[in-house]
N, C-alpha and C. Protein backbone atom coordinates (compact mmCIF):
# COMPACT_ATOMS: atom_id res chain seq x y z
N MET A 1 25.78 -36.20 6.96
CA MET A 1 24.74 -37.17 8.02
C MET A 1 25.53 -38.71 7.48
N GLN A 2 25.36 -39.44 8.18
CA GLN A 2 25.67 -40.74 7.40
C GLN A 2 24.92 -41.91 7.42
N ALA A 3 24.68 -42.74 6.55
CA ALA A 3 23.34 -43.19 5.54
C ALA A 3 22.84 -44.06 6.98
N GLU A 4 23.65 -44.63 7.63
CA GLU A 4 22.65 -45.55 8.52
C GLU A 4 21.37 -45.02 9.83
N ALA A 5 22.48 -43.53 9.97
CA ALA A 5 22.23 -42.98 11.05
C ALA A 5 20.21 -41.89 9.85
N LEU A 6 20.71 -41.72 8.96
CA LEU A 6 19.75 -41.38 8.17
C LEU A 6 18.06 -42.02 8.10
N LEU A 7 18.40 -42.98 8.21
CA LEU A 7 17.36 -43.85 7.78
C LEU A 7 17.12 -44.29 9.22
N LEU A 8 17.75 -44.60 10.17
CA LEU A 8 16.95 -45.39 11.49
C LEU A 8 16.60 -44.20 12.58
N ASN A 9 16.78 -42.65 12.02
CA ASN A 9 16.21 -41.97 12.67
C ASN A 9 15.57 -40.03 12.37
N ARG A 10 15.40 -40.42 10.96
CA ARG A 10 14.23 -39.89 10.34
C ARG A 10 12.73 -39.56 11.58
N ASN A 11 12.23 -38.71 11.45
CA ASN A 11 11.11 -38.67 12.14
C ASN A 11 10.14 -37.40 11.87
N SER A 12 9.00 -37.73 11.71
CA SER A 12 8.05 -36.58 11.17
C SER A 12 8.19 -35.04 12.07
N HIS A 13 8.67 -34.43 12.05
CA HIS A 13 8.40 -32.95 12.45
C HIS A 13 7.13 -31.78 12.76
N PRO A 14 5.97 -31.77 12.91
CA PRO A 14 5.37 -31.06 13.30
C PRO A 14 5.41 -29.24 12.67
N LYS A 15 6.17 -29.41 13.93
CA LYS A 15 6.64 -27.90 13.86
C LYS A 15 8.42 -26.99 13.66
N LEU A 16 7.73 -26.90 12.49
CA LEU A 16 8.75 -26.38 11.49
C LEU A 16 8.54 -24.75 12.22
N SER A 17 9.80 -24.02 11.62
CA SER A 17 10.04 -22.27 11.51
C SER A 17 10.80 -21.70 10.35
N GLY A 18 11.79 -20.87 10.64
CA GLY A 18 13.23 -19.97 9.63
C GLY A 18 12.57 -19.62 8.25
N GLU A 19 13.72 -19.49 7.50
CA GLU A 19 13.35 -18.77 5.93
C GLU A 19 13.54 -20.81 5.31
N ARG A 20 13.38 -20.08 3.95
CA ARG A 20 13.09 -21.33 3.10
C ARG A 20 15.40 -21.16 2.86
N PRO A 21 15.25 -22.91 2.94
CA PRO A 21 16.23 -23.08 2.75
C PRO A 21 17.20 -22.78 1.38
N SER A 22 18.37 -22.07 1.25
CA SER A 22 19.42 -21.59 0.34
C SER A 22 18.87 -22.69 -0.85
N ALA A 23 18.97 -22.32 -1.76
CA ALA A 23 19.04 -23.02 -3.21
C ALA A 23 19.42 -24.13 -3.61
N GLU A 24 20.54 -24.24 -2.53
CA GLU A 24 21.65 -25.12 -2.54
C GLU A 24 21.42 -26.28 -1.84
N ILE A 25 20.37 -26.06 -1.01
CA ILE A 25 20.05 -26.99 -0.34
C ILE A 25 18.19 -27.59 -0.34
N MET A 26 17.85 -26.38 -1.86
CA MET A 26 16.57 -26.86 -2.15
C MET A 26 16.96 -27.80 -3.20
N GLU A 27 17.98 -27.60 -3.69
CA GLU A 27 18.09 -28.47 -5.39
C GLU A 27 19.19 -29.61 -4.76
N PHE A 28 19.72 -30.07 -3.57
CA PHE A 28 19.87 -31.22 -2.90
C PHE A 28 18.84 -32.03 -3.04
N ILE A 29 17.34 -31.49 -2.30
CA ILE A 29 16.04 -31.82 -2.29
C ILE A 29 15.78 -32.36 -3.43
N TYR A 30 15.98 -31.73 -4.01
CA TYR A 30 15.00 -32.08 -5.78
C TYR A 30 15.84 -33.23 -6.47
N GLN A 31 17.05 -32.57 -6.06
CA GLN A 31 17.94 -33.84 -7.25
C GLN A 31 17.59 -35.25 -5.98
N ALA A 32 17.40 -35.73 -4.93
CA ALA A 32 17.07 -36.46 -4.29
C ALA A 32 16.23 -37.31 -4.24
N ALA A 33 15.26 -36.34 -4.66
CA ALA A 33 13.91 -36.83 -5.08
C ALA A 33 13.68 -37.42 -6.85
N LEU A 34 14.28 -37.03 -7.06
CA LEU A 34 14.46 -37.08 -8.90
C LEU A 34 15.26 -38.65 -9.07
N ARG A 35 15.96 -39.16 -7.88
CA ARG A 35 16.21 -40.33 -7.86
C ARG A 35 15.52 -41.68 -7.34
N ALA A 36 14.53 -41.11 -7.17
CA ALA A 36 13.29 -42.38 -6.95
C ALA A 36 13.47 -43.42 -8.25
N PRO A 37 12.88 -44.69 -7.69
CA PRO A 37 13.02 -45.43 -9.10
C PRO A 37 11.89 -45.15 -9.85
N ASP A 38 12.13 -45.51 -10.75
CA ASP A 38 10.88 -44.65 -11.77
C ASP A 38 11.36 -46.03 -13.44
N HIS A 39 10.60 -46.82 -12.83
CA HIS A 39 10.29 -48.02 -14.18
C HIS A 39 9.64 -47.19 -15.68
N GLY A 40 10.96 -47.52 -16.46
CA GLY A 40 10.60 -46.94 -17.82
C GLY A 40 11.06 -45.53 -18.23
N ALA A 41 11.55 -45.15 -17.02
CA ALA A 41 12.24 -44.27 -16.81
C ALA A 41 11.52 -42.85 -17.43
N ILE A 42 10.33 -42.93 -17.00
CA ILE A 42 9.32 -41.86 -17.53
C ILE A 42 9.10 -40.40 -16.91
N ARG A 43 9.52 -40.86 -15.66
CA ARG A 43 9.40 -39.78 -14.69
C ARG A 43 8.08 -39.14 -14.33
N PRO A 44 7.63 -40.01 -13.53
CA PRO A 44 5.93 -39.54 -13.14
C PRO A 44 5.60 -38.67 -12.38
N TRP A 45 6.34 -37.69 -11.99
CA TRP A 45 6.51 -36.97 -10.76
C TRP A 45 6.81 -35.44 -11.35
N ARG A 46 5.77 -34.42 -10.25
CA ARG A 46 5.80 -33.29 -10.83
C ARG A 46 6.52 -32.84 -8.92
N PHE A 47 6.61 -31.56 -9.43
CA PHE A 47 6.87 -30.82 -7.80
C PHE A 47 6.43 -29.33 -7.87
N ILE A 48 5.48 -28.81 -7.01
CA ILE A 48 5.24 -27.97 -6.66
C ILE A 48 5.33 -27.01 -5.37
N GLU A 49 6.84 -25.77 -4.92
CA GLU A 49 7.12 -25.82 -4.29
C GLU A 49 6.60 -23.96 -3.60
N PHE A 50 5.61 -24.29 -2.44
CA PHE A 50 4.95 -22.77 -1.99
C PHE A 50 5.91 -22.02 -0.47
N THR A 51 6.55 -21.04 -0.89
CA THR A 51 6.69 -20.42 -0.23
C THR A 51 6.02 -19.00 -0.66
N GLY A 52 6.77 -17.86 1.08
CA GLY A 52 5.88 -16.73 1.05
C GLY A 52 4.22 -16.17 1.03
N THR A 53 4.28 -16.07 0.07
CA THR A 53 2.69 -15.25 0.04
C THR A 53 1.87 -16.49 -0.80
N GLY A 54 2.72 -17.19 -1.65
CA GLY A 54 2.38 -18.87 -2.39
C GLY A 54 1.91 -19.45 -1.26
N ARG A 55 2.11 -19.98 -0.06
CA ARG A 55 1.04 -20.68 1.13
C ARG A 55 0.04 -20.41 1.51
N GLU A 56 0.02 -18.59 1.36
CA GLU A 56 -1.11 -17.76 1.45
C GLU A 56 -2.38 -18.85 0.56
N ARG A 57 -1.62 -18.52 -0.61
CA ARG A 57 -2.32 -18.65 -2.00
C ARG A 57 -2.85 -20.15 -1.80
N LEU A 58 -2.22 -20.94 -1.12
CA LEU A 58 -2.39 -22.81 -1.21
C LEU A 58 -3.35 -22.42 -0.22
N GLY A 59 -3.25 -22.07 0.96
CA GLY A 59 -4.49 -21.67 1.96
C GLY A 59 -5.85 -21.33 1.65
N GLU A 60 -5.47 -19.95 0.55
CA GLU A 60 -6.76 -20.56 0.22
C GLU A 60 -7.62 -21.49 -1.20
N LEU A 61 -6.73 -21.87 -1.65
CA LEU A 61 -7.13 -22.97 -2.55
C LEU A 61 -7.92 -24.20 -1.47
N PHE A 62 -7.00 -24.53 -0.60
CA PHE A 62 -7.66 -25.36 0.20
C PHE A 62 -8.63 -25.09 1.16
N HIS A 63 -8.49 -23.60 1.27
CA HIS A 63 -9.79 -23.09 1.45
C HIS A 63 -11.51 -23.09 0.55
N LYS A 64 -11.09 -22.76 -0.25
CA LYS A 64 -12.23 -22.92 -1.29
C LYS A 64 -12.87 -24.90 -1.72
N GLY A 65 -11.59 -25.83 -1.48
CA GLY A 65 -11.43 -27.09 -1.30
C GLY A 65 -12.59 -27.63 -0.55
N LEU A 66 -12.60 -26.77 0.78
CA LEU A 66 -13.40 -27.15 1.90
C LEU A 66 -14.66 -26.24 1.94
N MET A 67 -15.58 -25.47 0.96
CA MET A 67 -16.28 -24.93 1.35
C MET A 67 -17.52 -26.02 -0.29
N VAL A 68 -16.22 -26.76 -0.63
CA VAL A 68 -17.39 -27.07 -1.87
C VAL A 68 -17.20 -28.13 -1.07
N ARG A 69 -16.53 -29.10 -0.38
CA ARG A 69 -16.88 -30.47 0.73
C ARG A 69 -18.20 -30.12 1.49
N GLN A 70 -17.99 -29.10 2.20
CA GLN A 70 -18.19 -28.91 3.89
C GLN A 70 -18.88 -27.14 3.27
N PRO A 71 -19.77 -26.78 2.44
CA PRO A 71 -20.13 -25.78 2.31
C PRO A 71 -20.76 -24.90 4.10
N ASP A 72 -21.24 -25.57 4.90
CA ASP A 72 -21.36 -25.35 6.24
C ASP A 72 -19.98 -24.75 7.36
N ALA A 73 -18.79 -25.47 6.81
CA ALA A 73 -18.08 -25.35 7.77
C ALA A 73 -18.60 -24.09 8.61
N ASP A 74 -18.36 -24.60 10.40
CA ASP A 74 -18.31 -23.27 10.55
C ASP A 74 -16.67 -22.21 10.52
N ASP A 75 -16.43 -21.28 11.22
CA ASP A 75 -15.52 -20.28 11.05
C ASP A 75 -13.82 -20.55 11.34
N ALA A 76 -14.77 -21.75 12.96
CA ALA A 76 -12.84 -22.12 13.35
C ALA A 76 -12.42 -23.12 12.17
N LYS A 77 -12.88 -23.75 11.42
CA LYS A 77 -12.39 -24.76 10.51
C LYS A 77 -12.05 -24.29 8.92
N GLN A 78 -12.52 -23.01 8.64
CA GLN A 78 -11.92 -22.64 7.67
C GLN A 78 -11.07 -21.57 8.32
N ASN A 79 -11.21 -21.25 9.21
CA ASN A 79 -9.34 -20.41 9.44
C ASN A 79 -8.48 -21.25 9.97
N LYS A 80 -9.21 -22.77 9.99
CA LYS A 80 -7.91 -23.66 10.61
C LYS A 80 -7.36 -23.85 9.19
N ILE A 81 -7.96 -24.42 8.32
CA ILE A 81 -7.35 -24.80 6.80
C ILE A 81 -6.43 -23.95 6.07
N ARG A 82 -7.43 -22.85 6.55
CA ARG A 82 -6.50 -21.46 5.50
C ARG A 82 -5.00 -21.15 6.44
N LEU A 83 -5.06 -21.53 7.70
CA LEU A 83 -3.63 -21.18 8.25
C LEU A 83 -2.64 -22.70 8.17
N MET A 84 -3.45 -23.79 8.14
CA MET A 84 -2.43 -24.82 7.74
C MET A 84 -1.51 -24.46 7.65
N THR A 85 -1.57 -24.08 5.94
CA THR A 85 -0.46 -23.94 4.84
C THR A 85 1.39 -22.97 5.47
N LEU A 86 0.61 -22.11 6.81
CA LEU A 86 1.66 -21.33 7.41
C LEU A 86 2.53 -21.81 8.20
N ARG A 87 2.56 -23.56 8.70
CA ARG A 87 3.19 -23.70 9.33
C ARG A 87 4.35 -24.38 9.14
N ALA A 88 5.35 -23.84 8.10
CA ALA A 88 6.37 -24.35 7.63
C ALA A 88 7.42 -23.61 7.03
N PRO A 89 7.98 -23.02 6.50
CA PRO A 89 8.24 -22.14 5.65
C PRO A 89 8.27 -22.19 3.86
N VAL A 90 8.15 -24.00 3.96
CA VAL A 90 8.56 -24.40 2.79
C VAL A 90 7.09 -25.35 2.29
N ILE A 91 6.30 -25.98 1.57
CA ILE A 91 5.38 -26.72 1.00
C ILE A 91 6.09 -27.37 -0.21
N ILE A 92 6.03 -28.56 -0.42
CA ILE A 92 6.17 -28.70 -1.74
C ILE A 92 4.97 -29.86 -2.22
N ALA A 93 4.04 -29.91 -2.80
CA ALA A 93 3.37 -30.27 -3.30
C ALA A 93 3.88 -31.64 -4.32
N VAL A 94 3.63 -32.86 -3.71
CA VAL A 94 4.46 -34.00 -4.86
C VAL A 94 3.03 -34.24 -5.72
N ILE A 95 3.41 -34.52 -6.51
CA ILE A 95 2.51 -34.68 -7.66
C ILE A 95 2.55 -36.42 -8.76
N ALA A 96 1.51 -37.17 -8.63
CA ALA A 96 2.09 -38.65 -10.01
C ALA A 96 1.51 -37.84 -10.70
N LYS A 97 1.87 -37.80 -11.90
CA LYS A 97 2.06 -37.28 -12.79
C LYS A 97 1.71 -38.23 -14.02
N VAL A 98 0.65 -39.18 -14.09
CA VAL A 98 0.62 -40.13 -14.62
C VAL A 98 -0.19 -40.74 -16.30
N ASP A 99 0.40 -41.25 -16.50
CA ASP A 99 -0.04 -41.52 -17.65
C ASP A 99 -0.39 -43.06 -17.62
N ALA A 100 -1.84 -42.52 -17.92
CA ALA A 100 -2.93 -43.95 -17.22
C ALA A 100 -2.56 -44.87 -18.83
N LYS A 101 -2.44 -44.38 -19.69
CA LYS A 101 -2.36 -45.38 -21.11
C LYS A 101 -0.82 -46.06 -21.52
N HIS A 102 -0.14 -45.51 -20.33
CA HIS A 102 1.41 -46.31 -20.79
C HIS A 102 1.24 -47.34 -21.20
N PRO A 103 1.58 -48.45 -21.79
CA PRO A 103 2.12 -49.39 -22.01
C PRO A 103 2.63 -50.72 -21.11
N LYS A 104 3.85 -50.08 -20.89
CA LYS A 104 4.23 -50.82 -19.39
C LYS A 104 4.32 -50.74 -17.89
N VAL A 105 3.98 -49.45 -17.78
CA VAL A 105 4.20 -49.35 -16.80
C VAL A 105 2.77 -49.38 -15.96
N PRO A 106 2.58 -49.73 -15.08
CA PRO A 106 0.83 -49.18 -14.36
C PRO A 106 0.53 -48.24 -13.53
N VAL A 107 -0.66 -47.49 -12.99
CA VAL A 107 -0.65 -46.41 -12.85
C VAL A 107 0.06 -46.56 -11.17
N LEU A 108 -0.45 -47.43 -10.41
CA LEU A 108 -0.05 -48.12 -8.96
C LEU A 108 1.16 -47.45 -9.71
N GLU A 109 2.48 -48.22 -10.35
CA GLU A 109 3.75 -47.89 -10.22
C GLU A 109 4.13 -46.21 -10.27
N GLN A 110 3.65 -45.39 -11.02
CA GLN A 110 3.87 -44.28 -11.11
C GLN A 110 3.22 -43.43 -9.95
N VAL A 111 2.37 -44.12 -9.43
CA VAL A 111 1.29 -43.30 -8.15
C VAL A 111 3.12 -44.00 -7.12
N LEU A 112 3.52 -45.00 -6.81
CA LEU A 112 4.95 -45.72 -6.12
C LEU A 112 5.51 -44.07 -6.46
N SER A 113 6.02 -44.37 -6.91
CA SER A 113 7.18 -44.08 -7.62
C SER A 113 7.43 -42.06 -7.32
N ALA A 114 6.29 -41.49 -7.37
CA ALA A 114 6.31 -40.70 -6.75
C ALA A 114 6.27 -40.18 -5.33
N GLY A 115 5.95 -41.33 -4.60
CA GLY A 115 5.71 -41.99 -3.58
C GLY A 115 7.22 -41.92 -2.95
N ALA A 116 8.24 -42.76 -3.85
CA ALA A 116 9.67 -43.25 -3.34
C ALA A 116 9.74 -41.20 -3.43
N ALA A 117 10.01 -40.27 -4.79
CA ALA A 117 10.49 -39.01 -4.76
C ALA A 117 10.10 -38.49 -3.41
N ALA A 118 8.86 -38.40 -2.70
CA ALA A 118 8.30 -37.85 -1.49
C ALA A 118 9.93 -38.46 -0.31
N GLN A 119 9.77 -39.14 -0.33
CA GLN A 119 10.66 -40.21 0.89
C GLN A 119 12.10 -39.61 0.56
N ASN A 120 12.24 -39.43 -0.50
CA ASN A 120 14.16 -39.15 -0.66
C ASN A 120 14.33 -38.08 -0.82
N ALA A 121 13.22 -37.40 -0.91
CA ALA A 121 12.87 -35.88 -0.80
C ALA A 121 12.84 -34.91 0.86
N MET A 122 12.12 -36.33 1.72
CA MET A 122 12.40 -35.99 2.96
C MET A 122 13.75 -36.19 3.59
N LEU A 123 13.99 -37.59 3.12
CA LEU A 123 15.49 -37.88 3.44
C LEU A 123 16.48 -36.96 3.74
N ALA A 124 16.76 -36.19 2.14
CA ALA A 124 17.09 -35.57 1.50
C ALA A 124 17.57 -34.11 2.79
N ALA A 125 15.99 -33.34 3.33
CA ALA A 125 16.10 -32.29 4.31
C ALA A 125 16.67 -33.12 5.83
N HIS A 126 16.53 -34.14 5.80
CA HIS A 126 17.08 -34.79 7.35
C HIS A 126 18.49 -34.26 7.15
N ALA A 127 18.89 -34.96 5.97
CA ALA A 127 20.18 -35.31 6.32
C ALA A 127 20.60 -33.30 6.33
N LYS A 128 20.11 -32.44 5.72
CA LYS A 128 21.07 -31.62 5.70
C LYS A 128 20.14 -30.67 6.65
N GLY A 129 20.15 -31.34 7.71
CA GLY A 129 19.55 -30.83 9.50
C GLY A 129 18.20 -30.42 9.41
N LEU A 130 17.10 -30.52 8.41
CA LEU A 130 15.92 -29.38 8.72
C LEU A 130 14.91 -30.87 8.83
N GLY A 131 13.59 -29.80 9.15
CA GLY A 131 12.88 -30.39 9.81
C GLY A 131 11.35 -30.95 8.69
N ALA A 132 11.10 -31.99 9.05
CA ALA A 132 10.01 -32.74 7.20
C ALA A 132 8.79 -33.18 8.09
N ILE A 133 7.81 -32.89 7.78
CA ILE A 133 6.85 -34.07 7.39
C ILE A 133 5.83 -33.88 6.17
N TRP A 134 5.14 -35.39 6.44
CA TRP A 134 4.30 -35.37 4.94
C TRP A 134 2.51 -36.00 5.27
N ARG A 135 2.80 -34.57 4.61
CA ARG A 135 0.94 -34.07 4.85
C ARG A 135 -0.09 -34.68 3.55
N THR A 136 -1.32 -35.34 4.14
CA THR A 136 -2.58 -35.51 3.19
C THR A 136 -4.18 -35.17 3.38
N GLY A 137 -4.52 -35.78 4.19
CA GLY A 137 -6.13 -35.42 4.09
C GLY A 137 -7.02 -34.93 3.78
N ASP A 138 -7.71 -34.66 3.57
CA ASP A 138 -8.95 -33.97 2.24
C ASP A 138 -8.31 -33.52 1.51
N VAL A 139 -7.26 -32.30 1.65
CA VAL A 139 -6.84 -31.27 0.14
C VAL A 139 -5.74 -32.11 -0.47
N ALA A 140 -5.50 -33.49 -0.04
CA ALA A 140 -4.47 -34.34 -1.10
C ALA A 140 -5.44 -35.27 -2.01
N PHE A 141 -7.19 -35.11 -1.82
CA PHE A 141 -7.90 -36.05 -2.43
C PHE A 141 -8.94 -34.83 -3.14
N ASP A 142 -8.63 -33.97 -3.07
CA ASP A 142 -9.99 -32.57 -3.46
C ASP A 142 -9.38 -32.51 -5.04
N SER A 143 -10.82 -32.58 -5.96
CA SER A 143 -11.02 -31.89 -7.16
C SER A 143 -10.31 -30.66 -7.09
N VAL A 144 -10.78 -30.09 -6.26
CA VAL A 144 -11.19 -28.35 -6.69
C VAL A 144 -9.66 -27.91 -6.16
N VAL A 145 -8.63 -28.74 -5.24
CA VAL A 145 -7.94 -28.34 -4.98
C VAL A 145 -6.75 -28.70 -6.49
N ASP A 146 -6.92 -29.99 -6.58
CA ASP A 146 -6.14 -30.23 -7.91
C ASP A 146 -6.40 -29.43 -9.38
N GLN A 147 -7.82 -28.42 -9.26
CA GLN A 147 -7.66 -28.20 -10.35
C GLN A 147 -7.26 -27.13 -10.06
N GLY A 148 -6.93 -26.63 -8.81
CA GLY A 148 -6.60 -24.79 -8.77
C GLY A 148 -4.68 -25.54 -8.87
N LEU A 149 -4.91 -26.20 -8.97
CA LEU A 149 -2.81 -27.01 -8.87
C LEU A 149 -2.92 -26.93 -10.21
N GLY A 150 -3.30 -27.53 -11.04
CA GLY A 150 -3.21 -27.35 -12.72
C GLY A 150 -3.28 -28.52 -13.30
N LEU A 151 -3.68 -29.83 -12.22
CA LEU A 151 -3.69 -30.83 -12.49
C LEU A 151 -4.50 -31.37 -13.60
N GLU A 152 -3.85 -32.37 -14.32
CA GLU A 152 -4.75 -32.72 -15.19
C GLU A 152 -5.37 -34.28 -14.23
N PRO A 153 -6.47 -34.35 -14.87
CA PRO A 153 -7.59 -35.52 -14.44
C PRO A 153 -7.08 -36.86 -13.42
N GLU A 154 -6.11 -37.34 -14.19
CA GLU A 154 -5.50 -39.14 -13.37
C GLU A 154 -4.32 -38.36 -12.93
N ASP A 155 -3.71 -37.47 -12.98
CA ASP A 155 -2.44 -36.49 -11.58
C ASP A 155 -3.68 -37.10 -10.32
N GLN A 156 -2.42 -37.24 -9.48
CA GLN A 156 -2.38 -37.61 -8.32
C GLN A 156 -1.74 -36.73 -7.31
N VAL A 157 -1.99 -35.99 -6.43
CA VAL A 157 -1.11 -35.53 -5.42
C VAL A 157 -0.95 -36.41 -4.26
N VAL A 158 0.24 -36.96 -4.25
CA VAL A 158 0.85 -37.92 -3.11
C VAL A 158 0.78 -37.46 -2.09
N GLY A 159 0.98 -36.02 -1.89
CA GLY A 159 1.24 -35.38 -0.48
C GLY A 159 1.64 -34.39 -0.53
N TYR A 160 1.93 -32.74 0.86
CA TYR A 160 2.34 -31.96 0.61
C TYR A 160 3.24 -32.20 1.90
N LEU A 161 4.46 -31.84 1.31
CA LEU A 161 5.55 -32.13 2.03
C LEU A 161 6.27 -30.37 2.89
N TYR A 162 6.22 -30.63 3.93
CA TYR A 162 6.36 -29.13 5.20
C TYR A 162 7.78 -29.15 5.62
N LEU A 163 8.68 -28.41 5.38
CA LEU A 163 10.01 -28.34 5.47
C LEU A 163 10.39 -26.89 6.01
N GLY A 164 11.76 -27.00 6.84
CA GLY A 164 11.85 -25.47 7.87
C GLY A 164 13.09 -26.33 8.53
N GLN A 165 12.75 -25.18 10.05
CA GLN A 165 14.04 -25.44 10.92
C GLN A 165 13.12 -25.96 11.75
N ILE A 166 13.26 -27.19 12.84
CA ILE A 166 12.75 -28.10 13.71
C ILE A 166 12.50 -26.74 15.02
N GLU A 167 11.58 -26.91 15.40
CA GLU A 167 11.07 -26.24 16.64
C GLU A 167 11.11 -27.50 17.85
N GLY A 168 11.01 -26.95 18.93
CA GLY A 168 11.33 -27.97 20.03
C GLY A 168 12.18 -29.47 19.64
N ARG A 169 11.66 -30.47 20.35
CA ARG A 169 12.61 -31.87 21.18
C ARG A 169 12.35 -32.39 19.71
N ASN A 170 13.10 -33.09 19.58
CA ASN A 170 12.59 -34.73 18.80
C ASN A 170 11.53 -35.26 19.62
N LYS A 171 10.75 -35.93 18.89
CA LYS A 171 9.93 -36.83 19.95
C LYS A 171 10.68 -38.02 19.11
N PRO A 172 10.37 -39.07 20.62
CA PRO A 172 10.84 -40.24 21.01
C PRO A 172 10.29 -40.91 19.76
N LEU A 173 11.22 -41.93 18.95
CA LEU A 173 11.38 -42.49 17.87
C LEU A 173 10.90 -44.19 18.33
N PRO A 174 9.81 -44.44 18.08
CA PRO A 174 9.21 -45.80 18.11
C PRO A 174 10.00 -47.81 17.93
N GLU A 175 9.95 -48.55 19.04
CA GLU A 175 11.26 -49.51 18.36
C GLU A 175 10.43 -50.49 17.96
N TYR A 176 10.42 -51.24 16.34
CA TYR A 176 9.17 -52.20 16.25
C TYR A 176 10.46 -53.38 16.58
N LYS A 177 9.81 -54.08 16.04
CA LYS A 177 10.09 -55.59 16.17
C LYS A 177 10.53 -56.13 15.01
N THR A 178 11.26 -56.62 14.26
CA THR A 178 11.38 -56.82 12.82
C THR A 178 10.74 -58.01 12.74
N GLU A 179 9.89 -59.13 13.35
CA GLU A 179 9.20 -60.13 13.26
C GLU A 179 8.06 -59.93 13.83
N ASP A 180 7.68 -59.12 13.55
CA ASP A 180 6.56 -57.98 13.06
C ASP A 180 5.58 -58.05 12.09
N TYR A 181 6.91 -57.96 11.58
CA TYR A 181 6.47 -57.18 10.31
C TYR A 181 7.03 -58.04 8.74
N VAL A 182 8.00 -59.00 9.13
CA VAL A 182 8.81 -59.74 8.27
C VAL A 182 8.14 -60.89 8.07
N GLU A 183 7.83 -61.70 7.63
CA GLU A 183 7.43 -63.21 6.88
C GLU A 183 9.16 -63.63 6.20
N CYS A 184 9.41 -64.55 6.23
CA CYS A 184 10.74 -65.27 5.67
C CYS A 184 10.04 -66.98 5.06
N TRP A 185 10.29 -67.09 4.10
CA TRP A 185 10.09 -68.24 3.24
C TRP A 185 11.42 -68.51 2.71
N SER A 186 11.72 -69.87 3.12
CA SER A 186 12.81 -70.67 2.94
C SER A 186 12.76 -71.71 2.22
């Protein structure tokens, strides 16, 4: 896929299916993620890949976090959170591996770098013909989930990338007017 088409046609895909992409494709996705901007070459990223029954274990961890946040959650909400990790054959947790005491690279830059790694991974998936969606929600900001993932207290989940074969049609992409978002100083 040409870079121009890739950048202008990337779209989030909530309906994903199929098997885990090949090892070669997953390596390409991770290598693209590792090319994210990285002030100080500190590589402030960590990725956890969930496939097969690992997705179910992640769903149980999400459920555990829900029950701490909302102990009175009804059965429908509990089932929904358990099953949300089965929406794609691969989920990648993108984590900002933060060094809060780094002398030159502020925490915000480290988190933004992890976000850039997530975006690179999504673009790489799209380049290989896969669909992807970046999800956050309560589970991305939950200390119970963070602990279950083995995060250090200063680490932050940037998001969960769901990857797989696209089901259904591509949704139409909105048209944006550049002048609504760009201010030029001359």
